[in-house]
Amino acid sequence: QAGGSLRLSCQASGTIFSVNVMGWYRQ
């Protein structure tokens, strides 16, 4: 409902050496 809250999570995994930037987009 309007006024409520949510918490989104995103995990990157695999053959990763390092992560430069992480971001959220919406459409």
PDB file of all heavy atoms in Angstrom:
ATOM      1  N   GLN A   1       0.829  -1.192   0.000  1.00  0.00           N
ATOM      2  CA  GLN A   1       0.000   0.000   0.000  1.00  0.00           C
ATOM      3  C   GLN A   1       0.868   1.248   0.000  1.00  0.00           C
ATOM      4  O   GLN A   1       2.021   1.218   0.444  1.00  0.00           O
ATOM      5  CB  GLN A   1      -0.910   0.019   1.234  1.00  0.00           C
ATOM      6  CG  GLN A   1      -1.943  -1.090   1.286  1.00  0.00           C
ATOM      7  CD  GLN A   1      -3.188  -0.740   0.518  1.00  0.00           C
ATOM      8  OE1 GLN A   1      -3.141  -0.433  -0.670  1.00  0.00           O
ATOM      9  NE2 GLN A   1      -4.321  -0.775   1.192  1.00  0.00           N
ATOM     10  N   ALA A   2       0.328   2.335  -0.511  1.00  0.00           N
ATOM     11  CA  ALA A   2       1.041   3.605  -0.471  1.00  0.00           C
ATOM     12  C   ALA A   2       1.461   3.922   0.959  1.00  0.00           C
ATOM     13  O   ALA A   2       0.693   3.730   1.903  1.00  0.00           O
ATOM     14  CB  ALA A   2       0.172   4.718  -1.024  1.00  0.00           C
ATOM     15  N   GLY A   3       2.690   4.393   1.093  1.00  0.00           N
ATOM     16  CA  GLY A   3       3.241   4.665   2.404  1.00  0.00           C
ATOM     17  C   GLY A   3       4.013   3.511   2.997  1.00  0.00           C
ATOM     18  O   GLY A   3       4.704   3.689   4.007  1.00  0.00           O
ATOM     19  N   GLY A   4       3.931   2.362   2.380  1.00  0.00           N
ATOM     20  CA  GLY A   4       4.633   1.190   2.865  1.00  0.00           C
ATOM     21  C   GLY A   4       6.082   1.161   2.438  1.00  0.00           C
ATOM     22  O   GLY A   4       6.589   2.081   1.793  1.00  0.00           O
ATOM     23  N   SER A   5       6.744   0.061   2.784  1.00  0.00           N
ATOM     24  CA  SER A   5       8.171  -0.087   2.518  1.00  0.00           C
ATOM     25  C   SER A   5       8.477  -1.438   1.904  1.00  0.00           C
ATOM     26  O   SER A   5       7.777  -2.431   2.143  1.00  0.00           O
ATOM     27  CB  SER A   5       8.979   0.059   3.815  1.00  0.00           C
ATOM     28  OG  SER A   5       8.825   1.345   4.389  1.00  0.00           O
ATOM     29  N   LEU A   6       9.537  -1.464   1.122  1.00  0.00           N
ATOM     30  CA  LEU A   6      10.096  -2.686   0.584  1.00  0.00           C
ATOM     31  C   LEU A   6      11.606  -2.569   0.585  1.00  0.00           C
ATOM     32  O   LEU A   6      12.148  -1.462   0.495  1.00  0.00           O
ATOM     33  CB  LEU A   6       9.620  -2.957  -0.845  1.00  0.00           C
ATOM     34  CG  LEU A   6       8.191  -3.436  -1.063  1.00  0.00           C
ATOM     35  CD1 LEU A   6       7.884  -3.451  -2.552  1.00  0.00           C
ATOM     36  CD2 LEU A   6       7.988  -4.821  -0.471  1.00  0.00           C
ATOM     37  N   ARG A   7      12.270  -3.703   0.666  1.00  0.00           N
ATOM     38  CA  ARG A   7      13.723  -3.742   0.592  1.00  0.00           C
ATOM     39  C   ARG A   7      14.126  -4.709  -0.510  1.00  0.00           C
ATOM     40  O   ARG A   7      13.857  -5.907  -0.421  1.00  0.00           O
ATOM     41  CB  ARG A   7      14.337  -4.179   1.916  1.00  0.00           C
ATOM     42  CG  ARG A   7      15.869  -4.155   1.956  1.00  0.00           C
ATOM     43  CD  ARG A   7      16.367  -4.485   3.347  1.00  0.00           C
ATOM     44  NE  ARG A   7      17.810  -4.384   3.493  1.00  0.00           N
ATOM     45  CZ  ARG A   7      18.632  -5.422   3.630  1.00  0.00           C
ATOM     46  NH1 ARG A   7      18.136  -6.663   3.626  1.00  0.00           N
ATOM     47  NH2 ARG A   7      19.936  -5.236   3.770  1.00  0.00           N
ATOM     48  N   LEU A   8      14.744  -4.183  -1.542  1.00  0.00           N
ATOM     49  CA  LEU A   8      15.214  -4.989  -2.654  1.00  0.00           C
ATOM     50  C   LEU A   8      16.660  -5.400  -2.427  1.00  0.00           C
ATOM     51  O   LEU A   8      17.460  -4.635  -1.892  1.00  0.00           O
ATOM     52  CB  LEU A   8      15.109  -4.215  -3.970  1.00  0.00           C
ATOM     53  CG  LEU A   8      13.747  -3.631  -4.342  1.00  0.00           C
ATOM     54  CD1 LEU A   8      13.831  -2.971  -5.716  1.00  0.00           C
ATOM     55  CD2 LEU A   8      12.673  -4.702  -4.316  1.00  0.00           C
ATOM     56  N   SER A   9      16.983  -6.605  -2.863  1.00  0.00           N
ATOM     57  CA  SER A   9      18.338  -7.118  -2.777  1.00  0.00           C
ATOM     58  C   SER A   9      18.779  -7.601  -4.145  1.00  0.00           C
ATOM     59  O   SER A   9      17.977  -8.093  -4.938  1.00  0.00           O
ATOM     60  CB  SER A   9      18.438  -8.279  -1.785  1.00  0.00           C
ATOM     61  OG  SER A   9      18.082  -7.879  -0.477  1.00  0.00           O
ATOM     62  N   CYS A  10      20.058  -7.474  -4.402  1.00  0.00           N
ATOM     63  CA  CYS A  10      20.625  -7.938  -5.661  1.00  0.00           C
ATOM     64  C   CYS A  10      22.027  -8.448  -5.396  1.00  0.00           C
ATOM     65  O   CYS A  10      22.865  -7.711  -4.870  1.00  0.00           O
ATOM     66  CB  CYS A  10      20.655  -6.806  -6.684  1.00  0.00           C
ATOM     67  SG  CYS A  10      21.588  -7.177  -8.188  1.00  0.00           S
ATOM     68  N   GLN A  11      22.278  -9.683  -5.774  1.00  0.00           N
ATOM     69  CA  GLN A  11      23.596 -10.265  -5.595  1.00  0.00           C
ATOM     70  C   GLN A  11      24.175 -10.690  -6.936  1.00  0.00           C
ATOM     71  O   GLN A  11      23.519 -11.395  -7.706  1.00  0.00           O
ATOM     72  CB  GLN A  11      23.559 -11.461  -4.651  1.00  0.00           C
ATOM     73  CG  GLN A  11      24.946 -12.030  -4.373  1.00  0.00           C
ATOM     74  CD  GLN A  11      24.948 -13.096  -3.301  1.00  0.00           C
ATOM     75  OE1 GLN A  11      23.986 -13.862  -3.176  1.00  0.00           O
ATOM     76  NE2 GLN A  11      26.003 -13.142  -2.511  1.00  0.00           N
ATOM     77  N   ALA A  12      25.391 -10.273  -7.183  1.00  0.00           N
ATOM     78  CA  ALA A  12      26.135 -10.702  -8.353  1.00  0.00           C
ATOM     79  C   ALA A  12      27.082 -11.824  -7.957  1.00  0.00           C
ATOM     80  O   ALA A  12      27.773 -11.730  -6.942  1.00  0.00           O
ATOM     81  CB  ALA A  12      26.918  -9.541  -8.955  1.00  0.00           C
ATOM     82  N   SER A  13      27.117 -12.876  -8.744  1.00  0.00           N
ATOM     83  CA  SER A  13      27.979 -14.011  -8.441  1.00  0.00           C
ATOM     84  C   SER A  13      28.553 -14.579  -9.729  1.00  0.00           C
ATOM     85  O   SER A  13      28.047 -14.329 -10.819  1.00  0.00           O
ATOM     86  CB  SER A  13      27.220 -15.092  -7.677  1.00  0.00           C
ATOM     87  OG  SER A  13      26.140 -15.598  -8.448  1.00  0.00           O
ATOM     88  N   GLY A  14      29.605 -15.364  -9.578  1.00  0.00           N
ATOM     89  CA  GLY A  14      30.262 -15.966 -10.720  1.00  0.00           C
ATOM     90  C   GLY A  14      31.737 -15.642 -10.736  1.00  0.00           C
ATOM     91  O   GLY A  14      32.354 -15.458  -9.689  1.00  0.00           O
ATOM     92  N   THR A  15      32.284 -15.583 -11.931  1.00  0.00           N
ATOM     93  CA  THR A  15      33.724 -15.356 -12.086  1.00  0.00           C
ATOM     94  C   THR A  15      34.047 -13.866 -12.003  1.00  0.00           C
ATOM     95  O   THR A  15      34.560 -13.261 -12.945  1.00  0.00           O
ATOM     96  CB  THR A  15      34.206 -15.951 -13.412  1.00  0.00           C
ATOM     97  OG1 THR A  15      33.440 -15.396 -14.505  1.00  0.00           O
ATOM     98  CG2 THR A  15      34.050 -17.459 -13.415  1.00  0.00           C
ATOM     99  N   ILE A  16      33.771 -13.309 -10.848  1.00  0.00           N
ATOM    100  CA  ILE A  16      33.940 -11.878 -10.621  1.00  0.00           C
ATOM    101  C   ILE A  16      35.231 -11.613  -9.872  1.00  0.00           C
ATOM    102  O   ILE A  16      35.486 -12.223  -8.836  1.00  0.00           O
ATOM    103  CB  ILE A  16      32.752 -11.308  -9.839  1.00  0.00           C
ATOM    104  CG1 ILE A  16      31.466 -11.449 -10.649  1.00  0.00           C
ATOM    105  CG2 ILE A  16      33.001  -9.844  -9.480  1.00  0.00           C
ATOM    106  CD1 ILE A  16      30.218 -11.100  -9.877  1.00  0.00           C
ATOM    107  N   PHE A  17      36.002 -10.685 -10.391  1.00  0.00           N
ATOM    108  CA  PHE A  17      37.191 -10.232  -9.689  1.00  0.00           C
ATOM    109  C   PHE A  17      36.857  -9.063  -8.772  1.00  0.00           C
ATOM    110  O   PHE A  17      37.290  -9.023  -7.618  1.00  0.00           O
ATOM    111  CB  PHE A  17      38.290  -9.839 -10.682  1.00  0.00           C
ATOM    112  CG  PHE A  17      39.581  -9.435 -10.030  1.00  0.00           C
ATOM    113  CD1 PHE A  17      40.467 -10.386  -9.577  1.00  0.00           C
ATOM    114  CD2 PHE A  17      39.910  -8.095  -9.872  1.00  0.00           C
ATOM    115  CE1 PHE A  17      41.659 -10.032  -8.967  1.00  0.00           C
ATOM    116  CE2 PHE A  17      41.097  -7.718  -9.272  1.00  0.00           C
ATOM    117  CZ  PHE A  17      41.977  -8.694  -8.816  1.00  0.00           C
ATOM    118  N   SER A  18      36.109  -8.129  -9.291  1.00  0.00           N
ATOM    119  CA  SER A  18      35.677  -6.995  -8.498  1.00  0.00           C
ATOM    120  C   SER A  18      34.457  -6.365  -9.157  1.00  0.00           C
ATOM    121  O   SER A  18      34.206  -6.557 -10.342  1.00  0.00           O
ATOM    122  CB  SER A  18      36.797  -5.961  -8.340  1.00  0.00           C
ATOM    123  OG  SER A  18      37.165  -5.404  -9.594  1.00  0.00           O
ATOM    124  N   VAL A  19      33.722  -5.608  -8.362  1.00  0.00           N
ATOM    125  CA  VAL A  19      32.551  -4.909  -8.846  1.00  0.00           C
ATOM    126  C   VAL A  19      32.801  -3.410  -8.747  1.00  0.00           C
ATOM    127  O   VAL A  19      33.144  -2.908  -7.676  1.00  0.00           O
ATOM    128  CB  VAL A  19      31.290  -5.288  -8.051  1.00  0.00           C
ATOM    129  CG1 VAL A  19      30.084  -4.503  -8.555  1.00  0.00           C
ATOM    130  CG2 VAL A  19      31.036  -6.785  -8.149  1.00  0.00           C
ATOM    131  N   ASN A  20      32.640  -2.729  -9.852  1.00  0.00           N
ATOM    132  CA  ASN A  20      32.893  -1.296  -9.873  1.00  0.00           C
ATOM    133  C   ASN A  20      31.670  -0.497  -9.413  1.00  0.00           C
ATOM    134  O   ASN A  20      31.762   0.322  -8.511  1.00  0.00           O
ATOM    135  CB  ASN A  20      33.305  -0.853 -11.276  1.00  0.00           C
ATOM    136  CG  ASN A  20      34.579  -1.518 -11.734  1.00  0.00           C
ATOM    137  OD1 ASN A  20      35.552  -1.604 -10.994  1.00  0.00           O
ATOM    138  ND2 ASN A  20      34.582  -1.997 -12.976  1.00  0.00           N
ATOM    139  N   VAL A  21      30.549  -0.745 -10.057  1.00  0.00           N
ATOM    140  CA  VAL A  21      29.331   0.005  -9.792  1.00  0.00           C
ATOM    141  C   VAL A  21      28.164  -0.962  -9.722  1.00  0.00           C
ATOM    142  O   VAL A  21      28.060  -1.889 -10.525  1.00  0.00           O
ATOM    143  CB  VAL A  21      29.054   1.063 -10.886  1.00  0.00           C
ATOM    144  CG1 VAL A  21      27.805   1.874 -10.544  1.00  0.00           C
ATOM    145  CG2 VAL A  21      30.251   1.973 -11.084  1.00  0.00           C
ATOM    146  N   MET A  22      27.276  -0.740  -8.782  1.00  0.00           N
ATOM    147  CA  MET A  22      26.006  -1.443  -8.753  1.00  0.00           C
ATOM    148  C   MET A  22      24.899  -0.406  -8.640  1.00  0.00           C
ATOM    149  O   MET A  22      25.038   0.576  -7.908  1.00  0.00           O
ATOM    150  CB  MET A  22      25.923  -2.432  -7.600  1.00  0.00           C
ATOM    151  CG  MET A  22      26.957  -3.544  -7.686  1.00  0.00           C
ATOM    152  SD  MET A  22      26.711  -4.869  -6.471  1.00  0.00           S
ATOM    153  CE  MET A  22      25.359  -5.781  -7.248  1.00  0.00           C
ATOM    154  N   GLY A  23      23.838  -0.630  -9.376  1.00  0.00           N
ATOM    155  CA  GLY A  23      22.760   0.331  -9.371  1.00  0.00           C
ATOM    156  C   GLY A  23      21.411  -0.293  -9.615  1.00  0.00           C
ATOM    157  O   GLY A  23      21.297  -1.462  -9.995  1.00  0.00           O
ATOM    158  N   TRP A  24      20.400   0.508  -9.369  1.00  0.00           N
ATOM    159  CA  TRP A  24      19.018   0.106  -9.581  1.00  0.00           C
ATOM    160  C   TRP A  24      18.379   1.006 -10.620  1.00  0.00           C
ATOM    161  O   TRP A  24      18.485   2.234 -10.545  1.00  0.00           O
ATOM    162  CB  TRP A  24      18.215   0.186  -8.283  1.00  0.00           C
ATOM    163  CG  TRP A  24      18.581  -0.856  -7.285  1.00  0.00           C
ATOM    164  CD1 TRP A  24      19.444  -0.746  -6.244  1.00  0.00           C
ATOM    165  CD2 TRP A  24      18.074  -2.195  -7.242  1.00  0.00           C
ATOM    166  NE1 TRP A  24      19.516  -1.920  -5.547  1.00  0.00           N
ATOM    167  CE2 TRP A  24      18.683  -2.835  -6.139  1.00  0.00           C
ATOM    168  CE3 TRP A  24      17.169  -2.910  -8.020  1.00  0.00           C
ATOM    169  CZ2 TRP A  24      18.416  -4.157  -5.798  1.00  0.00           C
ATOM    170  CZ3 TRP A  24      16.906  -4.233  -7.681  1.00  0.00           C
ATOM    171  CH2 TRP A  24      17.526  -4.833  -6.585  1.00  0.00           C
ATOM    172  N   TYR A  25      17.720   0.384 -11.575  1.00  0.00           N
ATOM    173  CA  TYR A  25      16.933   1.076 -12.580  1.00  0.00           C
ATOM    174  C   TYR A  25      15.486   0.619 -12.460  1.00  0.00           C
ATOM    175  O   TYR A  25      15.198  -0.419 -11.876  1.00  0.00           O
ATOM    176  CB  TYR A  25      17.443   0.754 -13.984  1.00  0.00           C
ATOM    177  CG  TYR A  25      18.820   1.300 -14.301  1.00  0.00           C
ATOM    178  CD1 TYR A  25      19.956   0.734 -13.735  1.00  0.00           C
ATOM    179  CD2 TYR A  25      18.978   2.362 -15.185  1.00  0.00           C
ATOM    180  CE1 TYR A  25      21.218   1.224 -14.031  1.00  0.00           C
ATOM    181  CE2 TYR A  25      20.234   2.851 -15.489  1.00  0.00           C
ATOM    182  CZ  TYR A  25      21.346   2.280 -14.913  1.00  0.00           C
ATOM    183  OH  TYR A  25      22.594   2.763 -15.219  1.00  0.00           O
ATOM    184  N   ARG A  26      14.585   1.385 -13.029  1.00  0.00           N
ATOM    185  CA  ARG A  26      13.199   0.954 -13.066  1.00  0.00           C
ATOM    186  C   ARG A  26      12.557   1.362 -14.380  1.00  0.00           C
ATOM    187  O   ARG A  26      12.957   2.323 -15.019  1.00  0.00           O
ATOM    188  CB  ARG A  26      12.404   1.514 -11.886  1.00  0.00           C
ATOM    189  CG  ARG A  26      12.199   3.022 -11.902  1.00  0.00           C
ATOM    190  CD  ARG A  26      11.508   3.471 -10.625  1.00  0.00           C
ATOM    191  NE  ARG A  26      11.294   4.910 -10.598  1.00  0.00           N
ATOM    192  CZ  ARG A  26      10.834   5.577  -9.547  1.00  0.00           C
ATOM    193  NH1 ARG A  26      10.533   4.924  -8.419  1.00  0.00           N
ATOM    194  NH2 ARG A  26      10.672   6.896  -9.621  1.00  0.00           N
ATOM    195  N   GLN A  27      11.550   0.605 -14.756  1.00  0.00           N
ATOM    196  CA  GLN A  27      10.823   0.878 -15.983  1.00  0.00           C
ATOM    197  C   GLN A  27       9.350   0.574 -15.782  1.00  0.00           C
ATOM    198  O   GLN A  27       8.978  -0.554 -15.467  1.00  0.00           O
ATOM    199  CB  GLN A  27      11.379   0.055 -17.145  1.00  0.00           C
ATOM    200  CG  GLN A  27      10.789   0.415 -18.491  1.00  0.00           C
ATOM    201  CD  GLN A  27      11.567  -0.175 -19.648  1.00  0.00           C
ATOM    202  OE1 GLN A  27      12.264  -1.179 -19.479  1.00  0.00           O
ATOM    203  NE2 GLN A  27      11.465   0.437 -20.811  1.00  0.00           N
TER     204      GLN A  27
END
